N, C-alpha and C. Protein backbone atom coordinates (compact mmCIF):
# COMPACT_ATOMS: atom_id res chain seq x y z
N MET A 1 -162.29 58.63 19.48
CA MET A 1 -162.34 57.37 19.24
C MET A 1 -162.15 56.27 20.29
N ALA A 2 -163.12 54.98 20.11
CA ALA A 2 -163.00 54.10 21.46
C ALA A 2 -161.62 53.62 21.27
N ASN A 3 -161.60 53.15 22.70
CA ASN A 3 -160.20 52.54 23.07
C ASN A 3 -158.94 53.42 22.92
N GLU A 4 -159.14 54.53 22.82
CA GLU A 4 -157.90 55.44 22.51
C GLU A 4 -157.08 55.63 23.96
N VAL A 5 -155.69 55.52 23.81
CA VAL A 5 -155.10 55.77 25.09
C VAL A 5 -153.92 56.91 25.02
N ASN A 6 -154.07 57.87 25.93
CA ASN A 6 -153.08 59.07 25.72
C ASN A 6 -152.84 59.32 27.36
N VAL A 7 -152.07 58.67 27.71
CA VAL A 7 -151.49 58.65 29.22
C VAL A 7 -150.11 58.94 29.47
N SER A 8 -149.86 59.29 30.89
CA SER A 8 -148.38 58.92 31.05
C SER A 8 -148.12 58.61 32.60
N PHE A 9 -147.00 58.01 32.84
CA PHE A 9 -146.66 57.87 34.09
C PHE A 9 -145.14 57.88 34.37
N MET A 10 -144.94 57.66 35.58
CA MET A 10 -143.68 58.06 36.11
C MET A 10 -143.10 56.64 36.77
N LEU A 11 -141.93 56.46 36.32
CA LEU A 11 -141.29 55.19 36.80
C LEU A 11 -139.85 55.73 37.43
N PRO A 12 -139.04 55.09 38.57
CA PRO A 12 -137.85 55.82 39.02
C PRO A 12 -137.03 54.83 38.17
N GLY A 13 -135.89 55.69 38.03
CA GLY A 13 -134.55 55.53 37.18
C GLY A 13 -134.50 55.97 35.82
N GLU A 14 -133.25 55.96 35.17
CA GLU A 14 -133.04 56.52 33.88
C GLU A 14 -133.92 55.78 32.72
N PRO A 15 -134.12 56.76 31.69
CA PRO A 15 -135.09 56.11 30.63
C PRO A 15 -134.33 54.89 30.16
N ALA A 16 -132.86 55.13 29.86
CA ALA A 16 -132.16 53.97 29.08
C ALA A 16 -132.28 52.55 29.88
N ALA A 17 -132.07 52.58 31.43
CA ALA A 17 -132.50 51.48 32.15
C ALA A 17 -133.82 51.04 32.06
N ASN A 18 -134.72 51.72 32.00
CA ASN A 18 -136.36 51.34 31.69
C ASN A 18 -136.31 50.79 30.57
N VAL A 19 -135.91 51.12 29.34
CA VAL A 19 -136.19 50.52 27.97
C VAL A 19 -135.44 49.57 27.82
N ALA A 20 -134.31 49.27 28.54
CA ALA A 20 -133.65 48.17 28.43
C ALA A 20 -134.27 46.69 29.29
N ALA A 21 -134.88 47.16 30.43
CA ALA A 21 -135.77 46.38 31.21
C ALA A 21 -137.00 45.93 30.53
N TRP A 22 -137.51 46.82 29.98
CA TRP A 22 -138.74 46.31 29.15
C TRP A 22 -138.44 45.46 27.88
N ARG A 23 -137.39 45.99 27.30
CA ARG A 23 -136.88 45.02 26.23
C ARG A 23 -136.61 43.57 26.57
N ALA A 24 -136.04 43.70 27.88
CA ALA A 24 -135.81 42.14 28.44
C ALA A 24 -136.98 41.70 28.71
N GLN A 25 -137.82 42.08 29.34
CA GLN A 25 -139.32 41.44 29.85
C GLN A 25 -140.37 42.67 29.73
N ALA A 26 -141.49 42.64 29.18
CA ALA A 26 -142.10 43.65 29.13
C ALA A 26 -143.19 43.46 30.13
N PRO A 27 -143.80 44.56 30.83
CA PRO A 27 -144.62 44.29 31.93
C PRO A 27 -145.67 43.34 31.56
N PRO A 28 -146.38 42.78 32.61
CA PRO A 28 -147.25 41.57 32.35
C PRO A 28 -148.35 42.17 31.73
N PHE A 29 -148.94 43.61 31.61
CA PHE A 29 -150.12 44.08 31.13
C PHE A 29 -150.08 43.83 29.38
N LEU A 30 -148.85 43.56 29.13
CA LEU A 30 -148.61 43.62 27.61
C LEU A 30 -148.53 42.17 27.32
N ASP A 31 -148.71 41.02 28.09
CA ASP A 31 -148.78 40.09 27.68
C ASP A 31 -149.37 39.57 26.34
N ASP A 32 -150.30 39.74 26.04
CA ASP A 32 -151.18 39.71 24.91
C ASP A 32 -150.62 40.77 23.43
N TYR A 33 -149.77 41.35 23.71
CA TYR A 33 -148.97 42.30 22.78
C TYR A 33 -147.43 41.50 22.44
N GLN A 34 -146.98 42.04 20.92
CA GLN A 34 -145.75 41.77 20.74
C GLN A 34 -145.05 43.07 20.41
N ARG A 35 -143.66 43.29 20.72
CA ARG A 35 -143.24 44.24 20.19
C ARG A 35 -142.53 44.48 19.03
N VAL A 36 -143.32 45.02 18.20
CA VAL A 36 -143.16 45.09 16.74
C VAL A 36 -142.39 46.31 16.22
N ASP A 37 -141.72 47.26 17.05
CA ASP A 37 -141.09 48.31 16.58
C ASP A 37 -140.27 49.17 17.84
N GLU A 38 -139.18 49.53 17.55
CA GLU A 38 -138.44 50.47 18.67
C GLU A 38 -137.65 51.31 17.92
N SER A 39 -137.30 52.34 18.79
CA SER A 39 -136.12 53.47 18.71
C SER A 39 -135.39 53.60 19.65
N TYR A 40 -134.68 54.42 19.94
CA TYR A 40 -133.82 54.79 20.77
C TYR A 40 -134.46 55.02 22.35
N GLU A 41 -135.79 55.66 22.09
CA GLU A 41 -136.33 55.78 23.18
C GLU A 41 -137.90 55.45 23.25
N THR A 42 -138.22 54.77 22.18
CA THR A 42 -139.56 54.36 22.11
C THR A 42 -139.71 52.88 21.94
N LEU A 43 -140.59 52.43 22.22
CA LEU A 43 -140.97 50.91 22.26
C LEU A 43 -142.67 50.85 21.84
N VAL A 44 -142.66 49.95 20.71
CA VAL A 44 -144.15 49.88 20.07
C VAL A 44 -144.62 48.57 20.08
N TYR A 45 -145.83 48.12 21.09
CA TYR A 45 -146.47 47.01 20.93
C TYR A 45 -147.61 46.83 20.18
N GLU A 46 -147.88 45.61 19.88
CA GLU A 46 -149.34 45.65 19.11
C GLU A 46 -149.84 44.16 19.47
N ALA A 47 -151.39 44.16 19.31
CA ALA A 47 -152.15 42.96 19.82
C ALA A 47 -153.06 43.00 18.63
N ASN A 48 -153.47 41.57 18.09
CA ASN A 48 -154.06 41.39 16.86
C ASN A 48 -155.50 40.97 18.00
N VAL A 49 -156.60 41.95 17.76
CA VAL A 49 -157.51 41.65 18.51
C VAL A 49 -158.88 41.44 17.65
N THR A 50 -158.66 40.82 16.25
CA THR A 50 -159.65 40.52 15.79
C THR A 50 -160.40 39.44 16.00
N SER A 51 -161.91 39.77 15.98
CA SER A 51 -162.91 39.10 16.33
C SER A 51 -163.11 37.86 15.28
N THR A 52 -164.05 36.79 15.40
CA THR A 52 -164.31 35.84 14.82
C THR A 52 -165.42 36.46 13.62
N PHE A 53 -165.89 37.32 13.82
CA PHE A 53 -167.07 37.69 13.31
C PHE A 53 -166.25 38.55 11.98
N THR A 54 -165.41 39.37 12.45
CA THR A 54 -164.68 40.11 11.47
C THR A 54 -163.68 39.14 10.35
N LYS A 55 -163.18 38.24 11.04
CA LYS A 55 -162.67 37.37 10.16
C LYS A 55 -163.27 36.36 9.20
N LEU A 56 -164.78 36.35 9.56
CA LEU A 56 -165.66 35.66 8.73
C LEU A 56 -166.12 36.35 7.60
N ALA A 57 -166.31 37.82 7.99
CA ALA A 57 -167.06 38.74 7.28
C ALA A 57 -166.08 39.31 6.17
N THR A 58 -164.57 39.16 6.57
CA THR A 58 -163.73 39.94 5.52
C THR A 58 -163.05 38.45 4.80
N PHE A 59 -163.64 37.46 5.06
CA PHE A 59 -163.15 36.18 4.48
C PHE A 59 -161.59 35.90 4.93
N GLY A 60 -161.55 36.30 6.13
CA GLY A 60 -159.90 36.22 6.90
C GLY A 60 -158.92 37.50 6.49
N TRP A 61 -159.33 38.18 5.72
CA TRP A 61 -158.46 39.55 5.29
C TRP A 61 -158.38 40.48 6.30
N GLY A 62 -159.52 40.69 6.83
CA GLY A 62 -159.65 41.96 8.13
C GLY A 62 -158.77 41.58 9.05
N LYS A 63 -158.22 42.67 9.81
CA LYS A 63 -157.92 42.52 10.94
C LYS A 63 -158.11 43.82 11.92
N THR A 64 -157.95 43.50 13.04
CA THR A 64 -158.19 44.42 14.29
C THR A 64 -156.97 44.53 14.83
N LEU A 65 -156.07 45.74 14.91
CA LEU A 65 -155.21 45.69 15.52
C LEU A 65 -154.68 46.82 16.52
N TYR A 66 -154.79 46.59 17.81
CA TYR A 66 -154.11 47.58 18.78
C TYR A 66 -152.82 47.76 19.01
N ARG A 67 -152.27 49.17 18.84
CA ARG A 67 -151.13 49.31 18.93
C ARG A 67 -150.88 50.15 20.17
N LEU A 68 -149.81 50.22 20.93
CA LEU A 68 -149.39 51.15 21.75
C LEU A 68 -147.95 51.48 21.85
N ALA A 69 -147.68 52.55 22.00
CA ALA A 69 -146.20 53.28 21.52
C ALA A 69 -145.75 54.06 23.06
N PHE A 70 -144.73 53.39 23.85
CA PHE A 70 -144.47 53.88 24.87
C PHE A 70 -142.96 54.83 24.59
N THR A 71 -143.01 56.00 25.04
CA THR A 71 -142.33 56.79 25.00
C THR A 71 -141.19 57.30 26.21
N PHE A 72 -140.02 56.91 26.54
CA PHE A 72 -139.40 56.76 27.73
C PHE A 72 -138.28 58.38 27.88
N ARG A 73 -138.88 59.27 28.49
CA ARG A 73 -137.70 60.40 28.58
C ARG A 73 -137.61 60.82 30.20
N LEU A 74 -136.37 61.41 30.30
CA LEU A 74 -136.39 61.99 31.59
C LEU A 74 -137.08 62.95 32.17
N ALA A 75 -137.49 62.67 33.20
CA ALA A 75 -138.37 63.97 33.61
C ALA A 75 -137.53 64.57 34.70
N GLU A 76 -138.17 66.17 34.71
CA GLU A 76 -137.29 66.93 35.17
C GLU A 76 -137.29 66.94 36.82
N GLY A 77 -136.07 67.47 37.60
CA GLY A 77 -135.95 67.04 38.99
C GLY A 77 -134.60 66.45 39.00
N THR A 78 -134.52 66.27 40.54
CA THR A 78 -133.05 66.13 40.88
C THR A 78 -132.82 64.51 41.18
N THR A 79 -133.89 63.65 41.22
CA THR A 79 -133.36 61.94 40.99
C THR A 79 -134.07 61.72 39.67
N PRO A 80 -133.19 60.83 39.46
CA PRO A 80 -133.39 59.98 37.85
C PRO A 80 -134.81 59.54 38.05
N THR A 81 -135.61 60.12 37.22
CA THR A 81 -137.17 59.49 37.11
C THR A 81 -137.26 59.41 35.53
N THR A 82 -138.21 58.46 35.05
CA THR A 82 -138.81 58.67 33.76
C THR A 82 -140.04 58.52 33.59
N ARG A 83 -140.22 59.61 32.73
CA ARG A 83 -141.67 59.76 32.37
C ARG A 83 -141.96 59.06 31.06
N VAL A 84 -142.93 58.26 31.15
CA VAL A 84 -143.51 57.08 30.21
C VAL A 84 -144.95 57.81 29.71
N ALA A 85 -144.74 58.22 28.28
CA ALA A 85 -146.07 58.60 27.60
C ALA A 85 -146.55 57.40 26.81
N VAL A 86 -147.63 57.40 26.62
CA VAL A 86 -148.09 56.15 26.13
C VAL A 86 -149.34 56.79 25.01
N LEU A 87 -149.29 56.26 23.74
CA LEU A 87 -150.22 56.45 22.90
C LEU A 87 -150.71 55.52 22.02
N GLY A 88 -151.96 55.26 21.62
CA GLY A 88 -152.42 54.10 21.03
C GLY A 88 -153.83 53.68 21.25
N LYS A 89 -153.89 52.40 21.30
CA LYS A 89 -155.19 51.99 21.47
C LYS A 89 -154.93 50.71 22.32
N ALA A 90 -155.99 50.36 23.10
CA ALA A 90 -155.96 49.06 23.96
C ALA A 90 -157.52 48.86 24.51
N ASP A 91 -157.57 47.73 24.92
CA ASP A 91 -158.91 47.34 25.76
C ASP A 91 -159.03 47.68 26.93
N PRO A 92 -160.17 48.21 27.73
CA PRO A 92 -160.42 48.61 28.91
C PRO A 92 -159.32 47.92 29.96
N ASP A 93 -159.60 46.73 29.80
CA ASP A 93 -158.76 45.87 30.78
C ASP A 93 -157.20 46.04 30.88
N THR A 94 -156.76 46.23 29.30
CA THR A 94 -155.31 46.27 29.59
C THR A 94 -154.91 47.61 30.19
N VAL A 95 -155.81 49.00 29.69
CA VAL A 95 -155.56 50.07 30.31
C VAL A 95 -155.69 50.10 31.99
N LYS A 96 -156.34 49.29 32.29
CA LYS A 96 -156.66 49.13 34.14
C LYS A 96 -155.46 48.70 34.49
N ALA A 97 -155.00 47.52 33.79
CA ALA A 97 -154.09 46.52 34.21
C ALA A 97 -152.60 47.44 34.23
N MET A 98 -152.46 48.30 33.04
CA MET A 98 -151.34 49.33 33.12
C MET A 98 -151.16 50.27 34.09
N GLY A 99 -152.66 50.65 34.46
CA GLY A 99 -152.75 51.81 35.56
C GLY A 99 -152.18 51.63 36.91
N GLU A 100 -153.00 49.90 37.36
CA GLU A 100 -152.45 49.51 38.37
C GLU A 100 -150.95 48.85 38.53
N TRP A 101 -150.45 48.49 37.22
CA TRP A 101 -148.86 48.11 37.22
C TRP A 101 -148.31 49.37 37.54
N ALA A 102 -148.25 50.57 36.92
CA ALA A 102 -147.78 51.75 36.94
C ALA A 102 -148.05 52.19 38.54
N ALA A 103 -148.70 52.21 39.04
CA ALA A 103 -149.33 52.57 40.25
C ALA A 103 -148.34 51.72 41.64
N SER A 104 -148.13 50.25 41.21
CA SER A 104 -147.48 49.81 42.18
C SER A 104 -145.76 49.87 41.83
N HIS A 105 -145.20 50.37 40.82
CA HIS A 105 -144.05 50.34 40.33
C HIS A 105 -143.42 51.94 40.24
N ALA A 106 -144.08 52.77 40.71
CA ALA A 106 -144.10 54.35 40.81
C ALA A 106 -142.59 54.52 41.87
N GLY A 107 -142.81 53.73 42.95
CA GLY A 107 -141.97 54.18 43.93
C GLY A 107 -140.62 53.17 44.21
N THR A 108 -140.88 52.18 43.23
CA THR A 108 -139.77 51.16 43.41
C THR A 108 -138.57 51.58 42.81
């Protein structure tokens, strides 16, 4: 299906610390998204990307939502590292920005 996301990336530090940081301030690639759900190790963000045509064609009832679930788990190894698994839907620009952000934060 179009715009499907199923990727993972690594971040330095413990999962709990990364989840807390994201709760306080989500990364900039999620600026158009709102946190709509969370659990112990997962944060879920959602963006309403409904086009004007869809709004008009469905008399305001139709919606197009992109949802991304980020799961933070401890990666195997000696140094505390978090593996972030991402599942959901996003537009290509968001996926590109997420990849660039992850690459710039992998070693910090």
